[in-house]
Full PDB file with SEQRES, HELIX, SHEET, SSBOND, CRYST1, ORIGX, SCALE, CONECT and MASTER records, all heavy atoms in Angstrom:
SEQRES   1 A   32  GLY SER ALA LEU SER PRO VAL LEU ALA ASN ILE LEU LEU          
SEQRES   2 A   32  ASN GLU LEU ASP GLN GLU PRO ASP ARG ARG GLY LEU HIS          
SEQRES   3 A   32  PHE ILE ARG TYR ALA ASP                                      
HELIX    1 AA1 SER A    5  ARG A   23  1                                  19    
CRYST1    1.000    1.000    1.000  90.00  90.00  90.00 P 1           1          
ORIGX1      1.000000  0.000000  0.000000        0.00000                         
ORIGX2      0.000000  1.000000  0.000000        0.00000                         
ORIGX3      0.000000  0.000000  1.000000        0.00000                         
SCALE1      1.000000  0.000000  0.000000        0.00000                         
SCALE2      0.000000  1.000000  0.000000        0.00000                         
SCALE3      0.000000  0.000000  1.000000        0.00000                         
ATOM      1  N   GLY A   1      87.326  80.543 171.953  1.00  0.00           N  
ATOM      2  CA  GLY A   1      87.289  81.210 170.645  1.00  0.00           C  
ATOM      3  C   GLY A   1      88.673  81.580 170.222  1.00  0.00           C  
ATOM      4  O   GLY A   1      88.856  81.911 169.013  1.00  0.00           O  
ATOM      5  N   SER A   2      89.652  81.527 171.110  1.00  0.00           N  
ATOM      6  CA  SER A   2      91.063  81.781 170.733  1.00  0.00           C  
ATOM      7  C   SER A   2      91.690  80.617 170.095  1.00  0.00           C  
ATOM      8  O   SER A   2      91.464  79.454 170.483  1.00  0.00           O  
ATOM      9  CB  SER A   2      91.806  82.267 171.969  1.00  0.00           C  
ATOM     10  OG  SER A   2      93.219  82.274 171.750  1.00  0.00           O  
ATOM     11  N   ALA A   3      92.531  80.817 169.078  1.00  0.00           N  
ATOM     12  CA  ALA A   3      93.267  79.714 168.413  1.00  0.00           C  
ATOM     13  C   ALA A   3      94.237  79.075 169.364  1.00  0.00           C  
ATOM     14  O   ALA A   3      94.692  77.938 169.149  1.00  0.00           O  
ATOM     15  CB  ALA A   3      93.947  80.195 167.198  1.00  0.00           C  
ATOM     16  N   LEU A   4      94.669  79.805 170.387  1.00  0.00           N  
ATOM     17  CA  LEU A   4      95.700  79.314 171.314  1.00  0.00           C  
ATOM     18  C   LEU A   4      95.121  78.445 172.416  1.00  0.00           C  
ATOM     19  O   LEU A   4      95.804  77.561 172.926  1.00  0.00           O  
ATOM     20  CB  LEU A   4      96.424  80.542 171.937  1.00  0.00           C  
ATOM     21  CG  LEU A   4      97.610  80.267 172.854  1.00  0.00           C  
ATOM     22  CD1 LEU A   4      98.695  79.507 172.105  1.00  0.00           C  
ATOM     23  CD2 LEU A   4      98.191  81.613 173.375  1.00  0.00           C  
ATOM     24  N   SER A   5      93.849  78.658 172.749  1.00  0.00           N  
ATOM     25  CA  SER A   5      93.243  77.938 173.904  1.00  0.00           C  
ATOM     26  C   SER A   5      93.239  76.442 173.752  1.00  0.00           C  
ATOM     27  O   SER A   5      93.583  75.733 174.697  1.00  0.00           O  
ATOM     28  CB  SER A   5      91.831  78.439 174.102  1.00  0.00           C  
ATOM     29  OG  SER A   5      91.864  79.797 174.559  1.00  0.00           O  
ATOM     30  N   PRO A   6      92.895  75.857 172.564  1.00  0.00           N  
ATOM     31  CA  PRO A   6      92.910  74.348 172.513  1.00  0.00           C  
ATOM     32  C   PRO A   6      94.289  73.803 172.712  1.00  0.00           C  
ATOM     33  O   PRO A   6      94.394  72.749 173.357  1.00  0.00           O  
ATOM     34  CB  PRO A   6      92.447  74.083 171.068  1.00  0.00           C  
ATOM     35  CG  PRO A   6      91.618  75.316 170.655  1.00  0.00           C  
ATOM     36  CD  PRO A   6      92.311  76.425 171.379  1.00  0.00           C  
ATOM     37  N   VAL A   7      95.338  74.484 172.214  1.00  0.00           N  
ATOM     38  CA  VAL A   7      96.715  73.949 172.424  1.00  0.00           C  
ATOM     39  C   VAL A   7      97.108  74.045 173.864  1.00  0.00           C  
ATOM     40  O   VAL A   7      97.666  73.087 174.447  1.00  0.00           O  
ATOM     41  CB  VAL A   7      97.661  74.683 171.533  1.00  0.00           C  
ATOM     42  CG1 VAL A   7      99.122  74.214 171.708  1.00  0.00           C  
ATOM     43  CG2 VAL A   7      97.248  74.678 170.052  1.00  0.00           C  
ATOM     44  N   LEU A   8      96.781  75.171 174.527  1.00  0.00           N  
ATOM     45  CA  LEU A   8      97.128  75.328 175.963  1.00  0.00           C  
ATOM     46  C   LEU A   8      96.334  74.337 176.784  1.00  0.00           C  
ATOM     47  O   LEU A   8      96.849  73.819 177.780  1.00  0.00           O  
ATOM     48  CB  LEU A   8      96.810  76.741 176.415  1.00  0.00           C  
ATOM     49  CG  LEU A   8      97.690  77.848 175.825  1.00  0.00           C  
ATOM     50  CD1 LEU A   8      97.248  79.223 176.375  1.00  0.00           C  
ATOM     51  CD2 LEU A   8      99.157  77.585 176.133  1.00  0.00           C  
ATOM     52  N   ALA A   9      95.104  74.056 176.420  1.00  0.00           N  
ATOM     53  CA  ALA A   9      94.288  73.051 177.143  1.00  0.00           C  
ATOM     54  C   ALA A   9      94.907  71.650 177.055  1.00  0.00           C  
ATOM     55  O   ALA A   9      95.040  70.958 178.051  1.00  0.00           O  
ATOM     56  CB  ALA A   9      92.868  73.014 176.569  1.00  0.00           C  
ATOM     57  N   ASN A  10      95.421  71.304 175.887  1.00  0.00           N  
ATOM     58  CA  ASN A  10      96.073  70.035 175.691  1.00  0.00           C  
ATOM     59  C   ASN A  10      97.365  69.934 176.517  1.00  0.00           C  
ATOM     60  O   ASN A  10      97.713  68.922 177.070  1.00  0.00           O  
ATOM     61  CB  ASN A  10      96.403  69.757 174.223  1.00  0.00           C  
ATOM     62  CG  ASN A  10      95.331  68.902 173.561  1.00  0.00           C  
ATOM     63  OD1 ASN A  10      94.506  68.284 174.213  1.00  0.00           O  
ATOM     64  ND2 ASN A  10      95.409  68.789 172.223  1.00  0.00           N  
ATOM     65  N   ILE A  11      98.082  70.995 176.585  1.00  0.00           N  
ATOM     66  CA  ILE A  11      99.375  71.085 177.337  1.00  0.00           C  
ATOM     67  C   ILE A  11      99.096  70.888 178.814  1.00  0.00           C  
ATOM     68  O   ILE A  11      99.779  70.166 179.511  1.00  0.00           O  
ATOM     69  CB  ILE A  11     100.114  72.410 177.044  1.00  0.00           C  
ATOM     70  CG1 ILE A  11     100.571  72.392 175.617  1.00  0.00           C  
ATOM     71  CG2 ILE A  11     101.322  72.527 177.970  1.00  0.00           C  
ATOM     72  CD1 ILE A  11     101.155  73.754 175.200  1.00  0.00           C  
ATOM     73  N   LEU A  12      98.089  71.578 179.330  1.00  0.00           N  
ATOM     74  CA  LEU A  12      97.775  71.468 180.781  1.00  0.00           C  
ATOM     75  C   LEU A  12      97.189  70.080 181.067  1.00  0.00           C  
ATOM     76  O   LEU A  12      97.607  69.443 182.093  1.00  0.00           O  
ATOM     77  CB  LEU A  12      96.727  72.551 181.176  1.00  0.00           C  
ATOM     78  CG  LEU A  12      96.273  72.505 182.619  1.00  0.00           C  
ATOM     79  CD1 LEU A  12      97.442  72.753 183.563  1.00  0.00           C  
ATOM     80  CD2 LEU A  12      95.169  73.550 182.880  1.00  0.00           C  
ATOM     81  N   LEU A  13      96.281  69.582 180.264  1.00  0.00           N  
ATOM     82  CA  LEU A  13      95.668  68.251 180.530  1.00  0.00           C  
ATOM     83  C   LEU A  13      96.601  67.160 180.255  1.00  0.00           C  
ATOM     84  O   LEU A  13      96.328  66.006 180.580  1.00  0.00           O  
ATOM     85  CB  LEU A  13      94.373  68.146 179.677  1.00  0.00           C  
ATOM     86  CG  LEU A  13      93.191  69.086 180.161  1.00  0.00           C  
ATOM     87  CD1 LEU A  13      92.042  68.925 179.249  1.00  0.00           C  
ATOM     88  CD2 LEU A  13      92.834  68.700 181.629  1.00  0.00           C  
ATOM     89  N   ASN A  14      97.743  67.400 179.554  1.00  0.00           N  
ATOM     90  CA  ASN A  14      98.736  66.412 179.406  1.00  0.00           C  
ATOM     91  C   ASN A  14      99.321  65.956 180.777  1.00  0.00           C  
ATOM     92  O   ASN A  14      99.787  64.819 180.926  1.00  0.00           O  
ATOM     93  CB  ASN A  14      99.882  66.892 178.465  1.00  0.00           C  
ATOM     94  CG  ASN A  14     100.860  65.834 178.114  1.00  0.00           C  
ATOM     95  OD1 ASN A  14     100.528  64.723 177.642  1.00  0.00           O  
ATOM     96  ND2 ASN A  14     102.145  66.102 178.328  1.00  0.00           N  
ATOM     97  N   GLU A  15      99.275  66.896 181.685  1.00  0.00           N  
ATOM     98  CA  GLU A  15      99.730  66.594 183.060  1.00  0.00           C  
ATOM     99  C   GLU A  15      98.772  65.502 183.651  1.00  0.00           C  
ATOM    100  O   GLU A  15      99.197  64.647 184.391  1.00  0.00           O  
ATOM    101  CB  GLU A  15      99.725  67.833 183.931  1.00  0.00           C  
ATOM    102  CG  GLU A  15     100.697  68.910 183.464  1.00  0.00           C  
ATOM    103  CD  GLU A  15     102.112  68.500 183.609  1.00  0.00           C  
ATOM    104  OE1 GLU A  15     102.549  68.139 184.757  1.00  0.00           O  
ATOM    105  OE2 GLU A  15     102.872  68.498 182.581  1.00  0.00           O  
ATOM    106  N   LEU A  16      97.506  65.667 183.332  1.00  0.00           N  
ATOM    107  CA  LEU A  16      96.486  64.681 183.745  1.00  0.00           C  
ATOM    108  C   LEU A  16      96.657  63.339 183.050  1.00  0.00           C  
ATOM    109  O   LEU A  16      96.577  62.265 183.647  1.00  0.00           O  
ATOM    110  CB  LEU A  16      95.094  65.203 183.520  1.00  0.00           C  
ATOM    111  CG  LEU A  16      93.918  64.243 183.721  1.00  0.00           C  
ATOM    112  CD1 LEU A  16      93.865  63.739 185.136  1.00  0.00           C  
ATOM    113  CD2 LEU A  16      92.608  64.939 183.359  1.00  0.00           C  
ATOM    114  N   ASP A  17      97.038  63.372 181.759  1.00  0.00           N  
ATOM    115  CA  ASP A  17      97.225  62.141 181.010  1.00  0.00           C  
ATOM    116  C   ASP A  17      98.410  61.360 181.569  1.00  0.00           C  
ATOM    117  O   ASP A  17      98.376  60.089 181.498  1.00  0.00           O  
ATOM    118  CB  ASP A  17      97.511  62.486 179.487  1.00  0.00           C  
ATOM    119  CG  ASP A  17      96.314  63.194 178.842  1.00  0.00           C  
ATOM    120  OD1 ASP A  17      95.220  63.044 179.387  1.00  0.00           O  
ATOM    121  OD2 ASP A  17      96.528  63.792 177.803  1.00  0.00           O  
ATOM    122  N   GLN A  18      99.427  61.984 182.074  1.00  0.00           N  
ATOM    123  CA  GLN A  18     100.583  61.267 182.592  1.00  0.00           C  
ATOM    124  C   GLN A  18     100.249  60.411 183.796  1.00  0.00           C  
ATOM    125  O   GLN A  18     100.917  59.407 184.046  1.00  0.00           O  
ATOM    126  CB  GLN A  18     101.688  62.259 182.946  1.00  0.00           C  
ATOM    127  CG  GLN A  18     102.154  63.175 181.787  1.00  0.00           C  
ATOM    128  CD  GLN A  18     102.561  62.420 180.547  1.00  0.00           C  
ATOM    129  OE1 GLN A  18     103.261  61.353 180.678  1.00  0.00           O  
ATOM    130  NE2 GLN A  18     102.110  62.824 179.366  1.00  0.00           N  
ATOM    131  N   GLU A  19      99.214  60.816 184.560  1.00  0.00           N  
ATOM    132  CA  GLU A  19      98.885  60.060 185.799  1.00  0.00           C  
ATOM    133  C   GLU A  19      98.302  58.711 185.462  1.00  0.00           C  
ATOM    134  O   GLU A  19      98.836  57.702 185.938  1.00  0.00           O  
ATOM    135  CB  GLU A  19      97.892  60.913 186.620  1.00  0.00           C  
ATOM    136  CG  GLU A  19      97.503  60.280 187.956  1.00  0.00           C  
ATOM    137  CD  GLU A  19      98.685  60.274 188.909  1.00  0.00           C  
ATOM    138  OE1 GLU A  19      99.743  60.876 188.657  1.00  0.00           O  
ATOM    139  OE2 GLU A  19      98.539  59.571 190.000  1.00  0.00           O  
ATOM    140  N   PRO A  20      97.245  58.525 184.637  1.00  0.00           N  
ATOM    141  CA  PRO A  20      96.813  57.191 184.267  1.00  0.00           C  
ATOM    142  C   PRO A  20      97.866  56.434 183.471  1.00  0.00           C  
ATOM    143  O   PRO A  20      97.963  55.197 183.540  1.00  0.00           O  
ATOM    144  CB  PRO A  20      95.513  57.435 183.481  1.00  0.00           C  
ATOM    145  CG  PRO A  20      95.560  58.868 183.021  1.00  0.00           C  
ATOM    146  CD  PRO A  20      96.377  59.580 184.056  1.00  0.00           C  
ATOM    147  N   ASP A  21      98.648  57.105 182.617  1.00  0.00           N  
ATOM    148  CA  ASP A  21      99.706  56.414 181.872  1.00  0.00           C  
ATOM    149  C   ASP A  21     100.701  55.826 182.882  1.00  0.00           C  
ATOM    150  O   ASP A  21     101.209  54.685 182.622  1.00  0.00           O  
ATOM    151  CB  ASP A  21     100.417  57.431 180.934  1.00  0.00           C  
ATOM    152  CG  ASP A  21      99.798  57.487 179.564  1.00  0.00           C  
ATOM    153  OD1 ASP A  21      99.101  56.552 179.223  1.00  0.00           O  
ATOM    154  OD2 ASP A  21     100.068  58.500 178.801  1.00  0.00           O  
ATOM    155  N   ARG A  22     101.052  56.579 183.907  1.00  0.00           N  
ATOM    156  CA  ARG A  22     102.024  56.049 184.881  1.00  0.00           C  
ATOM    157  C   ARG A  22     101.480  54.792 185.614  1.00  0.00           C  
ATOM    158  O   ARG A  22     102.291  53.916 185.967  1.00  0.00           O  
ATOM    159  CB  ARG A  22     102.355  57.153 185.854  1.00  0.00           C  
ATOM    160  CG  ARG A  22     103.378  56.838 186.918  1.00  0.00           C  
ATOM    161  CD  ARG A  22     103.617  58.021 187.864  1.00  0.00           C  
ATOM    162  NE  ARG A  22     102.370  58.348 188.555  1.00  0.00           N  
ATOM    163  CZ  ARG A  22     101.911  57.720 189.713  1.00  0.00           C  
ATOM    164  NH1 ARG A  22     102.624  56.674 190.158  1.00  0.00           N  
ATOM    165  NH2 ARG A  22     100.841  58.118 190.268  1.00  0.00           N  
ATOM    166  N   ARG A  23     100.190  54.789 185.770  1.00  0.00           N  
ATOM    167  CA  ARG A  23      99.566  53.658 186.508  1.00  0.00           C  
ATOM    168  C   ARG A  23      99.091  52.534 185.594  1.00  0.00           C  
ATOM    169  O   ARG A  23      98.485  51.595 186.009  1.00  0.00           O  
ATOM    170  CB  ARG A  23      98.379  54.212 187.312  1.00  0.00           C  
ATOM    171  CG  ARG A  23      98.802  55.245 188.359  1.00  0.00           C  
ATOM    172  CD  ARG A  23      97.638  55.938 189.007  1.00  0.00           C  
ATOM    173  NE  ARG A  23      96.717  55.016 189.647  1.00  0.00           N  
ATOM    174  CZ  ARG A  23      95.625  55.425 190.287  1.00  0.00           C  
ATOM    175  NH1 ARG A  23      95.319  56.680 190.380  1.00  0.00           N  
ATOM    176  NH2 ARG A  23      94.861  54.525 190.853  1.00  0.00           N  
ATOM    177  N   GLY A  24      99.304  52.666 184.281  1.00  0.00           N  
ATOM    178  CA  GLY A  24      98.922  51.658 183.366  1.00  0.00           C  
ATOM    179  C   GLY A  24      97.440  51.529 183.139  1.00  0.00           C  
ATOM    180  O   GLY A  24      96.904  50.474 182.745  1.00  0.00           O  
ATOM    181  N   LEU A  25      96.659  52.641 183.290  1.00  0.00           N  
ATOM    182  CA  LEU A  25      95.259  52.630 183.081  1.00  0.00           C  
ATOM    183  C   LEU A  25      94.916  52.872 181.596  1.00  0.00           C  
ATOM    184  O   LEU A  25      95.668  53.483 180.843  1.00  0.00           O  
ATOM    185  CB  LEU A  25      94.577  53.718 183.935  1.00  0.00           C  
ATOM    186  CG  LEU A  25      94.770  53.596 185.452  1.00  0.00           C  
ATOM    187  CD1 LEU A  25      94.161  54.788 186.160  1.00  0.00           C  
ATOM    188  CD2 LEU A  25      94.112  52.325 185.982  1.00  0.00           C  
ATOM    189  N   HIS A  26      93.746  52.427 181.236  1.00  0.00           N  
ATOM    190  CA  HIS A  26      93.236  52.617 179.862  1.00  0.00           C  
ATOM    191  C   HIS A  26      92.243  53.817 179.836  1.00  0.00           C  
ATOM    192  O   HIS A  26      91.223  53.764 180.463  1.00  0.00           O  
ATOM    193  CB  HIS A  26      92.521  51.339 179.375  1.00  0.00           C  
ATOM    194  CG  HIS A  26      93.438  50.139 179.254  1.00  0.00           C  
ATOM    195  ND1 HIS A  26      93.858  49.447 180.375  1.00  0.00           N  
ATOM    196  CD2 HIS A  26      93.989  49.511 178.196  1.00  0.00           C  
ATOM    197  CE1 HIS A  26      94.617  48.444 179.979  1.00  0.00           C  
ATOM    198  NE2 HIS A  26      94.764  48.467 178.685  1.00  0.00           N  
ATOM    199  N   PHE A  27      92.647  54.848 179.136  1.00  0.00           N  
ATOM    200  CA  PHE A  27      91.830  56.053 179.108  1.00  0.00           C  
ATOM    201  C   PHE A  27      91.815  56.616 177.742  1.00  0.00           C  
ATOM    202  O   PHE A  27      92.697  56.391 176.877  1.00  0.00           O  
ATOM    203  CB  PHE A  27      92.344  57.090 180.145  1.00  0.00           C  
ATOM    204  CG  PHE A  27      93.586  57.803 179.649  1.00  0.00           C  
ATOM    205  CD1 PHE A  27      93.499  59.063 179.088  1.00  0.00           C  
ATOM    206  CD2 PHE A  27      94.848  57.230 179.792  1.00  0.00           C  
ATOM    207  CE1 PHE A  27      94.636  59.722 178.631  1.00  0.00           C  
ATOM    208  CE2 PHE A  27      95.994  57.865 179.329  1.00  0.00           C  
ATOM    209  CZ  PHE A  27      95.850  59.124 178.732  1.00  0.00           C  
ATOM    210  N   ILE A  28      90.773  57.423 177.463  1.00  0.00           N  
ATOM    211  CA  ILE A  28      90.613  58.190 176.221  1.00  0.00           C  
ATOM    212  C   ILE A  28      90.188  59.603 176.628  1.00  0.00           C  
ATOM    213  O   ILE A  28      89.250  59.787 177.392  1.00  0.00           O  
ATOM    214  CB  ILE A  28      89.577  57.616 175.279  1.00  0.00           C  
ATOM    215  CG1 ILE A  28      89.825  56.105 175.051  1.00  0.00           C  
ATOM    216  CG2 ILE A  28      89.482  58.330 173.979  1.00  0.00           C  
ATOM    217  CD1 ILE A  28      89.057  55.203 176.017  1.00  0.00           C  
ATOM    218  N   ARG A  29      90.900  60.587 176.100  1.00  0.00           N  
ATOM    219  CA  ARG A  29      90.602  62.003 176.366  1.00  0.00           C  
ATOM    220  C   ARG A  29      90.468  62.754 175.077  1.00  0.00           C  
ATOM    221  O   ARG A  29      91.302  62.662 174.205  1.00  0.00           O  
ATOM    222  CB  ARG A  29      91.628  62.676 177.253  1.00  0.00           C  
ATOM    223  CG  ARG A  29      91.262  64.119 177.581  1.00  0.00           C  
ATOM    224  CD  ARG A  29      92.328  64.764 178.444  1.00  0.00           C  
ATOM    225  NE  ARG A  29      93.603  64.889 177.803  1.00  0.00           N  
ATOM    226  CZ  ARG A  29      93.909  65.781 176.933  1.00  0.00           C  
ATOM    227  NH1 ARG A  29      93.025  66.718 176.547  1.00  0.00           N  
ATOM    228  NH2 ARG A  29      95.099  65.833 176.363  1.00  0.00           N  
ATOM    229  N   TYR A  30      89.350  63.525 174.955  1.00  0.00           N  
ATOM    230  CA  TYR A  30      89.197  64.428 173.877  1.00  0.00           C  
ATOM    231  C   TYR A  30      88.887  65.766 174.471  1.00  0.00           C  
ATOM    232  O   TYR A  30      87.843  66.002 175.078  1.00  0.00           O  
ATOM    233  CB  TYR A  30      88.021  63.991 172.969  1.00  0.00           C  
ATOM    234  CG  TYR A  30      87.908  64.846 171.660  1.00  0.00           C  
ATOM    235  CD1 TYR A  30      88.530  64.403 170.515  1.00  0.00           C  
ATOM    236  CD2 TYR A  30      87.258  66.037 171.659  1.00  0.00           C  
ATOM    237  CE1 TYR A  30      88.396  65.214 169.360  1.00  0.00           C  
ATOM    238  CE2 TYR A  30      87.150  66.852 170.549  1.00  0.00           C  
ATOM    239  CZ  TYR A  30      87.738  66.423 169.401  1.00  0.00           C  
ATOM    240  OH  TYR A  30      87.646  67.169 168.266  1.00  0.00           O  
ATOM    241  N   ALA A  31      89.892  66.676 174.380  1.00  0.00           N  
ATOM    242  CA  ALA A  31      89.741  68.027 175.041  1.00  0.00           C  
ATOM    243  C   ALA A  31      89.520  67.801 176.520  1.00  0.00           C  
ATOM    244  O   ALA A  31      90.275  67.086 177.157  1.00  0.00           O  
ATOM    245  CB  ALA A  31      88.650  68.890 174.401  1.00  0.00           C  
ATOM    246  N   ASP A  32      88.433  68.275 177.089  1.00  0.00           N  
ATOM    247  CA  ASP A  32      88.141  68.115 178.550  1.00  0.00           C  
ATOM    248  C   ASP A  32      87.188  66.938 178.793  1.00  0.00           C  
ATOM    249  O   ASP A  32      86.774  66.789 179.952  1.00  0.00           O  
ATOM    250  CB  ASP A  32      87.590  69.414 179.139  1.00  0.00           C  
ATOM    251  CG  ASP A  32      86.298  69.875 178.452  1.00  0.00           C  
ATOM    252  OD1 ASP A  32      86.139  69.548 177.249  1.00  0.00           O  
ATOM    253  OD2 ASP A  32      85.491  70.512 179.112  1.00  0.00           O  
TER     254      ASP A  32                                                      
MASTER        0    0    0    1    0    0    0    6  253    1    0    3          
END                                                                             
């Protein structure tokens, strides 16, 4: 419900995005 939470979620999960990007995997993420 906080306006800050979606942005913080994207910042944290960006760490997860870097892993398949590094390995050349095809992925799609929307929030969690």
